[in-house]
Amino acid sequence: MNDALASIAAHGLPGERRAVVLGSSATSAVIEQRLAGLALAAHRSGALVADDAAIDRLVDAQRVDMANALRIEALACDLAGAWDAEGFDWRMHKGPAVAHLDYPDVSWRSFGDLDVLV
């Protein structure tokens, strides 16, 4: 993992880190790994340095990621209501659950699917 991806992945965790520069290949890797939200948070805090073109790419990717996340969360709400009404015991795992429970800002953790145990 390169320095930029390691810095982004560690954003918000305890410990001091030096600011790193996000290059164009690293920007592509960040987007591919659905880390745009976390990268933008790191940039806002000064932990990540990126040029305007990289920031524009990250913002565009984050919009797509969050639109997908909202669709998945809407589906999760519909399923939860239906399962609760039928008395099913269910648990949500990974994606939305982790985003809401483990991150200071839900937008830092994007997800592309819904994992549930019924």
PDB file of N, CA and C in Angstrom:
ATOM      1  N   MET A   1       0.862  -1.173   0.000  1.00  0.00           N
ATOM      2  CA  MET A   1       0.000   0.000   0.000  1.00  0.00           C
ATOM      3  C   MET A   1       0.905   1.232   0.000  1.00  0.00           C
ATOM      4  N   ASN A   2       0.586   2.206  -0.822  1.00  0.00           N
ATOM      5  CA  ASN A   2       1.428   3.400  -0.863  1.00  0.00           C
ATOM      6  C   ASN A   2       1.127   4.326   0.313  1.00  0.00           C
ATOM      7  N   ASP A   3       1.977   5.336   0.491  1.00  0.00           N
ATOM      8  CA  ASP A   3       1.847   6.241   1.634  1.00  0.00           C
ATOM      9  C   ASP A   3       0.496   6.956   1.672  1.00  0.00           C
ATOM     10  N   ALA A   4       0.004   7.372   0.510  1.00  0.00           N
ATOM     11  CA  ALA A   4      -1.271   8.097   0.480  1.00  0.00           C
ATOM     12  C   ALA A   4      -2.412   7.199   0.943  1.00  0.00           C
ATOM     13  N   LEU A   5      -2.480   5.970   0.436  1.00  0.00           N
ATOM     14  CA  LEU A   5      -3.562   5.070   0.845  1.00  0.00           C
ATOM     15  C   LEU A   5      -3.452   4.724   2.328  1.00  0.00           C
ATOM     16  N   ALA A   6      -2.239   4.519   2.818  1.00  0.00           N
ATOM     17  CA  ALA A   6      -2.047   4.216   4.239  1.00  0.00           C
ATOM     18  C   ALA A   6      -2.490   5.400   5.097  1.00  0.00           C
ATOM     19  N   SER A   7      -2.161   6.612   4.671  1.00  0.00           N
ATOM     20  CA  SER A   7      -2.554   7.805   5.419  1.00  0.00           C
ATOM     21  C   SER A   7      -4.069   7.966   5.433  1.00  0.00           C
ATOM     22  N   ILE A   8      -4.703   7.721   4.303  1.00  0.00           N
ATOM     23  CA  ILE A   8      -6.167   7.827   4.221  1.00  0.00           C
ATOM     24  C   ILE A   8      -6.818   6.773   5.113  1.00  0.00           C
ATOM     25  N   ALA A   9      -6.328   5.544   5.034  1.00  0.00           N
ATOM     26  CA  ALA A   9      -6.904   4.463   5.835  1.00  0.00           C
ATOM     27  C   ALA A   9      -6.749   4.726   7.329  1.00  0.00           C
ATOM     28  N   ALA A  10      -5.704   5.443   7.710  1.00  0.00           N
ATOM     29  CA  ALA A  10      -5.444   5.721   9.125  1.00  0.00           C
ATOM     30  C   ALA A  10      -6.096   7.017   9.601  1.00  0.00           C
ATOM     31  N   HIS A  11      -6.741   7.739   8.702  1.00  0.00           N
ATOM     32  CA  HIS A  11      -7.328   9.020   9.096  1.00  0.00           C
ATOM     33  C   HIS A  11      -8.344   8.831  10.220  1.00  0.00           C
ATOM     34  N   GLY A  12      -8.214   9.667  11.236  1.00  0.00           N
ATOM     35  CA  GLY A  12      -9.129   9.616  12.365  1.00  0.00           C
ATOM     36  C   GLY A  12      -8.680   8.685  13.479  1.00  0.00           C
ATOM     37  N   LEU A  13      -7.660   7.860  13.220  1.00  0.00           N
ATOM     38  CA  LEU A  13      -7.141   6.975  14.255  1.00  0.00           C
ATOM     39  C   LEU A  13      -6.130   7.722  15.110  1.00  0.00           C
ATOM     40  N   PRO A  14      -5.918   7.286  16.339  1.00  0.00           N
ATOM     41  CA  PRO A  14      -4.945   7.968  17.197  1.00  0.00           C
ATOM     42  C   PRO A  14      -3.533   7.889  16.611  1.00  0.00           C
ATOM     43  N   GLY A  15      -2.725   8.866  16.947  1.00  0.00           N
ATOM     44  CA  GLY A  15      -1.334   8.889  16.495  1.00  0.00           C
ATOM     45  C   GLY A  15      -1.109   9.989  15.492  1.00  0.00           C
ATOM     46  N   GLU A  16       0.104  10.500  15.500  1.00  0.00           N
ATOM     47  CA  GLU A  16       0.438  11.579  14.576  1.00  0.00           C
ATOM     48  C   GLU A  16       0.991  11.010  13.287  1.00  0.00           C
ATOM     49  N   ARG A  17       0.610  11.623  12.191  1.00  0.00           N
ATOM     50  CA  ARG A  17       1.091  11.237  10.876  1.00  0.00           C
ATOM     51  C   ARG A  17       1.430  12.489  10.100  1.00  0.00           C
ATOM     52  N   ARG A  18       2.396  12.364   9.230  1.00  0.00           N
ATOM     53  CA  ARG A  18       2.742  13.519   8.399  1.00  0.00           C
ATOM     54  C   ARG A  18       1.774  13.586   7.219  1.00  0.00           C
ATOM     55  N   ALA A  19       1.572  14.789   6.719  1.00  0.00           N
ATOM     56  CA  ALA A  19       0.701  14.963   5.553  1.00  0.00           C
ATOM     57  C   ALA A  19       1.354  14.323   4.340  1.00  0.00           C
ATOM     58  N   VAL A  20       0.577  13.679   3.511  1.00  0.00           N
ATOM     59  CA  VAL A  20       1.087  13.065   2.293  1.00  0.00           C
ATOM     60  C   VAL A  20       0.386  13.678   1.088  1.00  0.00           C
ATOM     61  N   VAL A  21       1.038  13.556  -0.061  1.00  0.00           N
ATOM     62  CA  VAL A  21       0.513  14.106  -1.309  1.00  0.00           C
ATOM     63  C   VAL A  21      -0.162  12.984  -2.081  1.00  0.00           C
ATOM     64  N   LEU A  22      -1.345  13.268  -2.565  1.00  0.00           N
ATOM     65  CA  LEU A  22      -2.111  12.292  -3.342  1.00  0.00           C
ATOM     66  C   LEU A  22      -1.813  12.502  -4.819  1.00  0.00           C
ATOM     67  N   GLY A  23      -1.152  11.545  -5.439  1.00  0.00           N
ATOM     68  CA  GLY A  23      -0.861  11.608  -6.864  1.00  0.00           C
ATOM     69  C   GLY A  23      -2.022  11.065  -7.674  1.00  0.00           C
ATOM     70  N   SER A  24      -1.910  11.143  -9.001  1.00  0.00           N
ATOM     71  CA  SER A  24      -3.042  10.739  -9.839  1.00  0.00           C
ATOM     72  C   SER A  24      -3.291   9.238  -9.804  1.00  0.00           C
ATOM     73  N   SER A  25      -2.252   8.400  -9.745  1.00  0.00           N
ATOM     74  CA  SER A  25      -2.494   6.954  -9.675  1.00  0.00           C
ATOM     75  C   SER A  25      -3.094   6.584  -8.323  1.00  0.00           C
ATOM     76  N   ALA A  26      -2.648   7.262  -7.263  1.00  0.00           N
ATOM     77  CA  ALA A  26      -3.225   7.008  -5.940  1.00  0.00           C
ATOM     78  C   ALA A  26      -4.678   7.474  -5.894  1.00  0.00           C
ATOM     79  N   THR A  27      -4.995   8.564  -6.590  1.00  0.00           N
ATOM     80  CA  THR A  27      -6.385   9.039  -6.646  1.00  0.00           C
ATOM     81  C   THR A  27      -7.271   7.967  -7.263  1.00  0.00           C
ATOM     82  N   SER A  28      -6.804   7.360  -8.328  1.00  0.00           N
ATOM     83  CA  SER A  28      -7.567   6.274  -8.966  1.00  0.00           C
ATOM     84  C   SER A  28      -7.752   5.100  -8.011  1.00  0.00           C
ATOM     85  N   ALA A  29      -6.701   4.751  -7.274  1.00  0.00           N
ATOM     86  CA  ALA A  29      -6.796   3.640  -6.316  1.00  0.00           C
ATOM     87  C   ALA A  29      -7.773   3.972  -5.188  1.00  0.00           C
ATOM     88  N   VAL A  30      -7.750   5.210  -4.721  1.00  0.00           N
ATOM     89  CA  VAL A  30      -8.677   5.644  -3.664  1.00  0.00           C
ATOM     90  C   VAL A  30     -10.117   5.499  -4.142  1.00  0.00           C
ATOM     91  N   ILE A  31     -10.383   5.943  -5.357  1.00  0.00           N
ATOM     92  CA  ILE A  31     -11.737   5.857  -5.909  1.00  0.00           C
ATOM     93  C   ILE A  31     -12.138   4.396  -6.096  1.00  0.00           C
ATOM     94  N   GLU A  32     -11.231   3.582  -6.610  1.00  0.00           N
ATOM     95  CA  GLU A  32     -11.504   2.163  -6.837  1.00  0.00           C
ATOM     96  C   GLU A  32     -11.827   1.440  -5.524  1.00  0.00           C
ATOM     97  N   GLN A  33     -11.156   1.829  -4.447  1.00  0.00           N
ATOM     98  CA  GLN A  33     -11.375   1.204  -3.143  1.00  0.00           C
ATOM     99  C   GLN A  33     -12.525   1.844  -2.360  1.00  0.00           C
ATOM    100  N   ARG A  34     -13.238   2.763  -2.982  1.00  0.00           N
ATOM    101  CA  ARG A  34     -14.359   3.486  -2.367  1.00  0.00           C
ATOM    102  C   ARG A  34     -13.948   4.196  -1.072  1.00  0.00           C
ATOM    103  N   LEU A  35     -12.807   4.877  -1.141  1.00  0.00           N
ATOM    104  CA  LEU A  35     -12.296   5.635  -0.001  1.00  0.00           C
ATOM    105  C   LEU A  35     -12.374   7.143  -0.220  1.00  0.00           C
ATOM    106  N   ALA A  36     -13.178   7.572  -1.179  1.00  0.00           N
ATOM    107  CA  ALA A  36     -13.240   9.002  -1.502  1.00  0.00           C
ATOM    108  C   ALA A  36     -13.682   9.836  -0.303  1.00  0.00           C
ATOM    109  N   GLY A  37     -14.677   9.396   0.429  1.00  0.00           N
ATOM    110  CA  GLY A  37     -15.164  10.155   1.579  1.00  0.00           C
ATOM    111  C   GLY A  37     -14.102  10.312   2.657  1.00  0.00           C
ATOM    112  N   LEU A  38     -13.407   9.244   2.934  1.00  0.00           N
ATOM    113  CA  LEU A  38     -12.342   9.290   3.924  1.00  0.00           C
ATOM    114  C   LEU A  38     -11.185  10.163   3.430  1.00  0.00           C
ATOM    115  N   ALA A  39     -10.878  10.077   2.133  1.00  0.00           N
ATOM    116  CA  ALA A  39      -9.816  10.914   1.562  1.00  0.00           C
ATOM    117  C   ALA A  39     -10.182  12.388   1.645  1.00  0.00           C
ATOM    118  N   LEU A  40     -11.423  12.728   1.366  1.00  0.00           N
ATOM    119  CA  LEU A  40     -11.848  14.125   1.458  1.00  0.00           C
ATOM    120  C   LEU A  40     -11.788  14.618   2.898  1.00  0.00           C
ATOM    121  N   ALA A  41     -12.137  13.773   3.855  1.00  0.00           N
ATOM    122  CA  ALA A  41     -12.027  14.152   5.263  1.00  0.00           C
ATOM    123  C   ALA A  41     -10.564  14.371   5.641  1.00  0.00           C
ATOM    124  N   ALA A  42      -9.689  13.507   5.167  1.00  0.00           N
ATOM    125  CA  ALA A  42      -8.252  13.665   5.438  1.00  0.00           C
ATOM    126  C   ALA A  42      -7.734  14.953   4.810  1.00  0.00           C
ATOM    127  N   HIS A  43      -8.213  15.275   3.617  1.00  0.00           N
ATOM    128  CA  HIS A  43      -7.803  16.517   2.952  1.00  0.00           C
ATOM    129  C   HIS A  43      -8.279  17.732   3.747  1.00  0.00           C
ATOM    130  N   ARG A  44      -9.517  17.705   4.196  1.00  0.00           N
ATOM    131  CA  ARG A  44     -10.050  18.834   4.980  1.00  0.00           C
ATOM    132  C   ARG A  44      -9.259  19.055   6.267  1.00  0.00           C
ATOM    133  N   SER A  45      -8.734  17.981   6.846  1.00  0.00           N
ATOM    134  CA  SER A  45      -7.984  18.102   8.102  1.00  0.00           C
ATOM    135  C   SER A  45      -6.521  18.483   7.884  1.00  0.00           C
ATOM    136  N   GLY A  46      -6.087  18.469   6.623  1.00  0.00           N
ATOM    137  CA  GLY A  46      -4.692  18.787   6.329  1.00  0.00           C
ATOM    138  C   GLY A  46      -3.781  17.578   6.305  1.00  0.00           C
ATOM    139  N   ALA A  47      -4.328  16.385   6.515  1.00  0.00           N
ATOM    140  CA  ALA A  47      -3.518  15.169   6.517  1.00  0.00           C
ATOM    141  C   ALA A  47      -3.210  14.665   5.110  1.00  0.00           C
ATOM    142  N   LEU A  48      -3.899  15.212   4.126  1.00  0.00           N
ATOM    143  CA  LEU A  48      -3.712  14.790   2.746  1.00  0.00           C
ATOM    144  C   LEU A  48      -3.686  16.018   1.858  1.00  0.00           C
ATOM    145  N   VAL A  49      -2.689  16.090   1.001  1.00  0.00           N
ATOM    146  CA  VAL A  49      -2.550  17.207   0.071  1.00  0.00           C
ATOM    147  C   VAL A  49      -2.899  16.691  -1.318  1.00  0.00           C
ATOM    148  N   ALA A  50      -3.772  17.415  -2.007  1.00  0.00           N
ATOM    149  CA  ALA A  50      -4.180  17.009  -3.356  1.00  0.00           C
ATOM    150  C   ALA A  50      -4.456  18.248  -4.184  1.00  0.00           C
ATOM    151  N   ASP A  51      -4.225  18.124  -5.501  1.00  0.00           N
ATOM    152  CA  ASP A  51      -4.511  19.262  -6.373  1.00  0.00           C
ATOM    153  C   ASP A  51      -6.003  19.322  -6.686  1.00  0.00           C
ATOM    154  N   ASP A  52      -6.422  20.408  -7.327  1.00  0.00           N
ATOM    155  CA  ASP A  52      -7.847  20.627  -7.606  1.00  0.00           C
ATOM    156  C   ASP A  52      -8.452  19.515  -8.453  1.00  0.00           C
ATOM    157  N   ALA A  53      -7.677  19.009  -9.419  1.00  0.00           N
ATOM    158  CA  ALA A  53      -8.197  17.938 -10.279  1.00  0.00           C
ATOM    159  C   ALA A  53      -8.480  16.677  -9.470  1.00  0.00           C
ATOM    160  N   ALA A  54      -7.590  16.346  -8.555  1.00  0.00           N
ATOM    161  CA  ALA A  54      -7.801  15.156  -7.711  1.00  0.00           C
ATOM    162  C   ALA A  54      -9.009  15.354  -6.806  1.00  0.00           C
ATOM    163  N   ILE A  55      -9.134  16.533  -6.230  1.00  0.00           N
ATOM    164  CA  ILE A  55     -10.281  16.809  -5.356  1.00  0.00           C
ATOM    165  C   ILE A  55     -11.582  16.722  -6.148  1.00  0.00           C
ATOM    166  N   ASP A  56     -11.599  17.263  -7.354  1.00  0.00           N
ATOM    167  CA  ASP A  56     -12.801  17.172  -8.195  1.00  0.00           C
ATOM    168  C   ASP A  56     -13.169  15.719  -8.465  1.00  0.00           C
ATOM    169  N   ARG A  57     -12.174  14.889  -8.763  1.00  0.00           N
ATOM    170  CA  ARG A  57     -12.434  13.461  -9.006  1.00  0.00           C
ATOM    171  C   ARG A  57     -12.979  12.784  -7.752  1.00  0.00           C
ATOM    172  N   LEU A  58     -12.401  13.129  -6.594  1.00  0.00           N
ATOM    173  CA  LEU A  58     -12.863  12.532  -5.339  1.00  0.00           C
ATOM    174  C   LEU A  58     -14.287  12.962  -5.013  1.00  0.00           C
ATOM    175  N   VAL A  59     -14.589  14.228  -5.221  1.00  0.00           N
ATOM    176  CA  VAL A  59     -15.951  14.732  -4.960  1.00  0.00           C
ATOM    177  C   VAL A  59     -16.956  14.028  -5.864  1.00  0.00           C
ATOM    178  N   ASP A  60     -16.629  13.886  -7.142  1.00  0.00           N
ATOM    179  CA  ASP A  60     -17.525  13.187  -8.064  1.00  0.00           C
ATOM    180  C   ASP A  60     -17.744  11.742  -7.627  1.00  0.00           C
ATOM    181  N   ALA A  61     -16.667  11.056  -7.254  1.00  0.00           N
ATOM    182  CA  ALA A  61     -16.776   9.664  -6.811  1.00  0.00           C
ATOM    183  C   ALA A  61     -17.588   9.565  -5.527  1.00  0.00           C
ATOM    184  N   GLN A  62     -17.394  10.519  -4.626  1.00  0.00           N
ATOM    185  CA  GLN A  62     -18.132  10.514  -3.361  1.00  0.00           C
ATOM    186  C   GLN A  62     -19.622  10.727  -3.598  1.00  0.00           C
ATOM    187  N   ARG A  63     -19.967  11.561  -4.539  1.00  0.00           N
ATOM    188  CA  ARG A  63     -21.399  11.757  -4.863  1.00  0.00           C
ATOM    189  C   ARG A  63     -22.032  10.455  -5.324  1.00  0.00           C
ATOM    190  N   VAL A  64     -21.344   9.746  -6.194  1.00  0.00           N
ATOM    191  CA  VAL A  64     -21.853   8.465  -6.691  1.00  0.00           C
ATOM    192  C   VAL A  64     -21.950   7.459  -5.537  1.00  0.00           C
ATOM    193  N   ASP A  65     -20.889   7.376  -4.726  1.00  0.00           N
ATOM    194  CA  ASP A  65     -20.881   6.437  -3.603  1.00  0.00           C
ATOM    195  C   ASP A  65     -22.024   6.716  -2.629  1.00  0.00           C
ATOM    196  N   MET A  66     -22.253   7.984  -2.312  1.00  0.00           N
ATOM    197  CA  MET A  66     -23.294   8.323  -1.342  1.00  0.00           C
ATOM    198  C   MET A  66     -24.693   8.143  -1.916  1.00  0.00           C
ATOM    199  N   ALA A  67     -24.864   8.372  -3.215  1.00  0.00           N
ATOM    200  CA  ALA A  67     -26.163   8.102  -3.845  1.00  0.00           C
ATOM    201  C   ALA A  67     -26.473   6.607  -3.759  1.00  0.00           C
ATOM    202  N   ASN A  68     -25.481   5.776  -4.020  1.00  0.00           N
ATOM    203  CA  ASN A  68     -25.669   4.324  -3.902  1.00  0.00           C
ATOM    204  C   ASN A  68     -25.939   3.930  -2.455  1.00  0.00           C
ATOM    205  N   ALA A  69     -25.217   4.532  -1.519  1.00  0.00           N
ATOM    206  CA  ALA A  69     -25.411   4.224  -0.104  1.00  0.00           C
ATOM    207  C   ALA A  69     -26.836   4.577   0.339  1.00  0.00           C
ATOM    208  N   LEU A  70     -27.344   5.703  -0.124  1.00  0.00           N
ATOM    209  CA  LEU A  70     -28.715   6.089   0.240  1.00  0.00           C
ATOM    210  C   LEU A  70     -29.742   5.101  -0.302  1.00  0.00           C
ATOM    211  N   ARG A  71     -29.531   4.620  -1.517  1.00  0.00           N
ATOM    212  CA  ARG A  71     -30.447   3.608  -2.080  1.00  0.00           C
ATOM    213  C   ARG A  71     -30.406   2.330  -1.242  1.00  0.00           C
ATOM    214  N   ILE A  72     -29.202   1.916  -0.850  1.00  0.00           N
ATOM    215  CA  ILE A  72     -29.053   0.702  -0.049  1.00  0.00           C
ATOM    216  C   ILE A  72     -29.681   0.889   1.328  1.00  0.00           C
ATOM    217  N   GLU A  73     -29.490   2.053   1.933  1.00  0.00           N
ATOM    218  CA  GLU A  73     -30.085   2.312   3.244  1.00  0.00           C
ATOM    219  C   GLU A  73     -31.606   2.361   3.171  1.00  0.00           C
ATOM    220  N   ALA A  74     -32.147   2.894   2.102  1.00  0.00           N
ATOM    221  CA  ALA A  74     -33.604   2.902   1.937  1.00  0.00           C
ATOM    222  C   ALA A  74     -34.126   1.467   1.848  1.00  0.00           C
ATOM    223  N   LEU A  75     -33.430   0.628   1.101  1.00  0.00           N
ATOM    224  CA  LEU A  75     -33.805  -0.781   1.012  1.00  0.00           C
ATOM    225  C   LEU A  75     -33.709  -1.433   2.391  1.00  0.00           C
ATOM    226  N   ALA A  76     -32.646  -1.129   3.127  1.00  0.00           N
ATOM    227  CA  ALA A  76     -32.473  -1.700   4.472  1.00  0.00           C
ATOM    228  C   ALA A  76     -33.633  -1.306   5.381  1.00  0.00           C
ATOM    229  N   CYS A  77     -34.062  -0.059   5.309  1.00  0.00           N
ATOM    230  CA  CYS A  77     -35.199   0.390   6.133  1.00  0.00           C
ATOM    231  C   CYS A  77     -36.478  -0.341   5.761  1.00  0.00           C
ATOM    232  N   ASP A  78     -36.713  -0.507   4.472  1.00  0.00           N
ATOM    233  CA  ASP A  78     -37.901  -1.240   4.025  1.00  0.00           C
ATOM    234  C   ASP A  78     -37.871  -2.691   4.507  1.00  0.00           C
ATOM    235  N   LEU A  79     -36.717  -3.340   4.339  1.00  0.00           N
ATOM    236  CA  LEU A  79     -36.587  -4.736   4.773  1.00  0.00           C
ATOM    237  C   LEU A  79     -36.738  -4.857   6.282  1.00  0.00           C
ATOM    238  N   ALA A  80     -36.099  -3.950   7.020  1.00  0.00           N
ATOM    239  CA  ALA A  80     -36.178  -4.005   8.481  1.00  0.00           C
ATOM    240  C   ALA A  80     -37.625  -3.891   8.950  1.00  0.00           C
ATOM    241  N   GLY A  81     -38.361  -2.973   8.361  1.00  0.00           N
ATOM    242  CA  GLY A  81     -39.772  -2.818   8.731  1.00  0.00           C
ATOM    243  C   GLY A  81     -40.582  -4.067   8.442  1.00  0.00           C
ATOM    244  N   ALA A  82     -40.357  -4.642   7.274  1.00  0.00           N
ATOM    245  CA  ALA A  82     -41.103  -5.849   6.896  1.00  0.00           C
ATOM    246  C   ALA A  82     -40.726  -7.031   7.791  1.00  0.00           C
ATOM    247  N   TRP A  83     -39.439  -7.195   8.040  1.00  0.00           N
ATOM    248  CA  TRP A  83     -39.001  -8.312   8.887  1.00  0.00           C
ATOM    249  C   TRP A  83     -39.466  -8.130  10.325  1.00  0.00           C
ATOM    250  N   ASP A  84     -39.391  -6.907  10.833  1.00  0.00           N
ATOM    251  CA  ASP A  84     -39.874  -6.652  12.193  1.00  0.00           C
ATOM    252  C   ASP A  84     -41.372  -6.948  12.301  1.00  0.00           C
ATOM    253  N   ALA A  85     -42.137  -6.549  11.291  1.00  0.00           N
ATOM    254  CA  ALA A  85     -43.585  -6.781  11.303  1.00  0.00           C
ATOM    255  C   ALA A  85     -43.912  -8.272  11.309  1.00  0.00           C
ATOM    256  N   GLU A  86     -43.053  -9.069  10.706  1.00  0.00           N
ATOM    257  CA  GLU A  86     -43.263 -10.520  10.666  1.00  0.00           C
ATOM    258  C   GLU A  86     -42.634 -11.235  11.856  1.00  0.00           C
ATOM    259  N   GLY A  87     -41.937 -10.486  12.703  1.00  0.00           N
ATOM    260  CA  GLY A  87     -41.328 -11.089  13.884  1.00  0.00           C
ATOM    261  C   GLY A  87     -39.995 -11.779  13.627  1.00  0.00           C
ATOM    262  N   PHE A  88     -39.376 -11.514  12.492  1.00  0.00           N
ATOM    263  CA  PHE A  88     -38.078 -12.125  12.202  1.00  0.00           C
ATOM    264  C   PHE A  88     -36.981 -11.476  13.039  1.00  0.00           C
ATOM    265  N   ASP A  89     -36.028 -12.283  13.463  1.00  0.00           N
ATOM    266  CA  ASP A  89     -34.829 -11.781  14.128  1.00  0.00           C
ATOM    267  C   ASP A  89     -33.778 -11.590  13.034  1.00  0.00           C
ATOM    268  N   TRP A  90     -33.223 -10.408  12.940  1.00  0.00           N
ATOM    269  CA  TRP A  90     -32.256 -10.120  11.877  1.00  0.00           C
ATOM    270  C   TRP A  90     -31.158  -9.212  12.405  1.00  0.00           C
ATOM    271  N   ARG A  91     -30.001  -9.259  11.739  1.00  0.00           N
ATOM    272  CA  ARG A  91     -28.874  -8.393  12.070  1.00  0.00           C
ATOM    273  C   ARG A  91     -28.223  -7.909  10.786  1.00  0.00           C
ATOM    274  N   MET A  92     -27.863  -6.632  10.786  1.00  0.00           N
ATOM    275  CA  MET A  92     -27.153  -6.049   9.655  1.00  0.00           C
ATOM    276  C   MET A  92     -25.657  -6.112   9.953  1.00  0.00           C
ATOM    277  N   HIS A  93     -24.876  -6.436   8.948  1.00  0.00           N
ATOM    278  CA  HIS A  93     -23.429  -6.550   9.103  1.00  0.00           C
ATOM    279  C   HIS A  93     -22.716  -5.673   8.094  1.00  0.00           C
ATOM    280  N   LYS A  94     -21.480  -5.385   8.388  1.00  0.00           N
ATOM    281  CA  LYS A  94     -20.587  -4.661   7.491  1.00  0.00           C
ATOM    282  C   LYS A  94     -21.189  -3.323   7.055  1.00  0.00           C
ATOM    283  N   GLY A  95     -20.977  -2.923   5.806  1.00  0.00           N
ATOM    284  CA  GLY A  95     -21.385  -1.666   5.207  1.00  0.00           C
ATOM    285  C   GLY A  95     -22.123  -0.658   6.047  1.00  0.00           C
ATOM    286  N   PRO A  96     -23.465  -0.592   5.941  1.00  0.00           N
ATOM    287  CA  PRO A  96     -24.223   0.432   6.651  1.00  0.00           C
ATOM    288  C   PRO A  96     -24.049   0.367   8.172  1.00  0.00           C
ATOM    289  N   ALA A  97     -23.979  -0.832   8.717  1.00  0.00           N
ATOM    290  CA  ALA A  97     -23.825  -0.957  10.166  1.00  0.00           C
ATOM    291  C   ALA A  97     -22.499  -0.352  10.612  1.00  0.00           C
ATOM    292  N   VAL A  98     -21.430  -0.670   9.929  1.00  0.00           N
ATOM    293  CA  VAL A  98     -20.117  -0.138  10.275  1.00  0.00           C
ATOM    294  C   VAL A  98     -20.084   1.372  10.071  1.00  0.00           C
ATOM    295  N   ALA A  99     -20.660   1.840   8.978  1.00  0.00           N
ATOM    296  CA  ALA A  99     -20.668   3.286   8.698  1.00  0.00           C
ATOM    297  C   ALA A  99     -21.337   4.065   9.815  1.00  0.00           C
ATOM    298  N   HIS A 100     -22.450   3.553  10.309  1.00  0.00           N
ATOM    299  CA  HIS A 100     -23.211   4.273  11.339  1.00  0.00           C
ATOM    300  C   HIS A 100     -22.666   4.084  12.749  1.00  0.00           C
ATOM    301  N   LEU A 101     -22.055   2.943  13.006  1.00  0.00           N
ATOM    302  CA  LEU A 101     -21.621   2.654  14.368  1.00  0.00           C
ATOM    303  C   LEU A 101     -20.156   2.985  14.643  1.00  0.00           C
ATOM    304  N   ASP A 102     -19.306   2.900  13.641  1.00  0.00           N
ATOM    305  CA  ASP A 102     -17.869   2.960  13.890  1.00  0.00           C
ATOM    306  C   ASP A 102     -17.156   4.191  13.343  1.00  0.00           C
ATOM    307  N   TYR A 103     -17.836   5.017  12.597  1.00  0.00           N
ATOM    308  CA  TYR A 103     -17.196   6.194  12.007  1.00  0.00           C
ATOM    309  C   TYR A 103     -17.812   7.464  12.572  1.00  0.00           C
ATOM    310  N   PRO A 104     -16.994   8.511  12.785  1.00  0.00           N
ATOM    311  CA  PRO A 104     -17.545   9.761  13.292  1.00  0.00           C
ATOM    312  C   PRO A 104     -18.468  10.458  12.300  1.00  0.00           C
ATOM    313  N   ASP A 105     -18.326  10.124  11.024  1.00  0.00           N
ATOM    314  CA  ASP A 105     -19.177  10.676   9.970  1.00  0.00           C
ATOM    315  C   ASP A 105     -19.521   9.535   9.023  1.00  0.00           C
ATOM    316  N   VAL A 106     -20.792   9.291   8.829  1.00  0.00           N
ATOM    317  CA  VAL A 106     -21.249   8.172   7.991  1.00  0.00           C
ATOM    318  C   VAL A 106     -20.656   8.232   6.586  1.00  0.00           C
ATOM    319  N   SER A 107     -20.424   9.428   6.083  1.00  0.00           N
ATOM    320  CA  SER A 107     -19.917   9.569   4.706  1.00  0.00           C
ATOM    321  C   SER A 107     -18.479   9.100   4.552  1.00  0.00           C
ATOM    322  N   TRP A 108     -17.796   8.828   5.654  1.00  0.00           N
ATOM    323  CA  TRP A 108     -16.421   8.319   5.564  1.00  0.00           C
ATOM    324  C   TRP A 108     -16.386   6.861   5.120  1.00  0.00           C
ATOM    325  N   ARG A 109     -17.498   6.128   5.261  1.00  0.00           N
ATOM    326  CA  ARG A 109     -17.513   4.690   4.953  1.00  0.00           C
ATOM    327  C   ARG A 109     -18.599   4.415   3.921  1.00  0.00           C
ATOM    328  N   SER A 110     -18.182   4.289   2.678  1.00  0.00           N
ATOM    329  CA  SER A 110     -19.174   3.956   1.651  1.00  0.00           C
ATOM    330  C   SER A 110     -19.317   2.430   1.580  1.00  0.00           C
ATOM    331  N   PHE A 111     -20.358   1.989   0.908  1.00  0.00           N
ATOM    332  CA  PHE A 111     -20.614   0.564   0.769  1.00  0.00           C
ATOM    333  C   PHE A 111     -21.423   0.332  -0.481  1.00  0.00           C
ATOM    334  N   GLY A 112     -21.344  -0.868  -1.007  1.00  0.00           N
ATOM    335  CA  GLY A 112     -22.005  -1.156  -2.272  1.00  0.00           C
ATOM    336  C   GLY A 112     -23.049  -2.240  -2.203  1.00  0.00           C
ATOM    337  N   ASP A 113     -23.246  -2.797  -0.990  1.00  0.00           N
ATOM    338  CA  ASP A 113     -24.254  -3.830  -0.860  1.00  0.00           C
ATOM    339  C   ASP A 113     -24.772  -3.883   0.574  1.00  0.00           C
ATOM    340  N   LEU A 114     -25.684  -4.768   0.799  1.00  0.00           N
ATOM    341  CA  LEU A 114     -26.317  -4.909   2.103  1.00  0.00           C
ATOM    342  C   LEU A 114     -26.115  -6.344   2.575  1.00  0.00           C
ATOM    343  N   ASP A 115     -25.482  -6.494   3.721  1.00  0.00           N
ATOM    344  CA  ASP A 115     -25.241  -7.812   4.303  1.00  0.00           C
ATOM    345  C   ASP A 115     -26.097  -7.957   5.548  1.00  0.00           C
ATOM    346  N   VAL A 116     -27.008  -8.925   5.522  1.00  0.00           N
ATOM    347  CA  VAL A 116     -27.866  -9.164   6.682  1.00  0.00           C
ATOM    348  C   VAL A 116     -27.919 -10.649   6.991  1.00  0.00           C
ATOM    349  N   LEU A 117     -28.163 -10.928   8.247  1.00  0.00           N
ATOM    350  CA  LEU A 117     -28.379 -12.283   8.716  1.00  0.00           C
ATOM    351  C   LEU A 117     -29.811 -12.334   9.223  1.00  0.00           C
ATOM    352  N   VAL A 118     -30.627 -13.216   8.661  1.00  0.00           N
ATOM    353  CA  VAL A 118     -32.023 -13.339   9.061  1.00  0.00           C
ATOM    354  C   VAL A 118     -32.226 -14.682   9.733  1.00  0.00           C
TER     355      VAL A 118
END
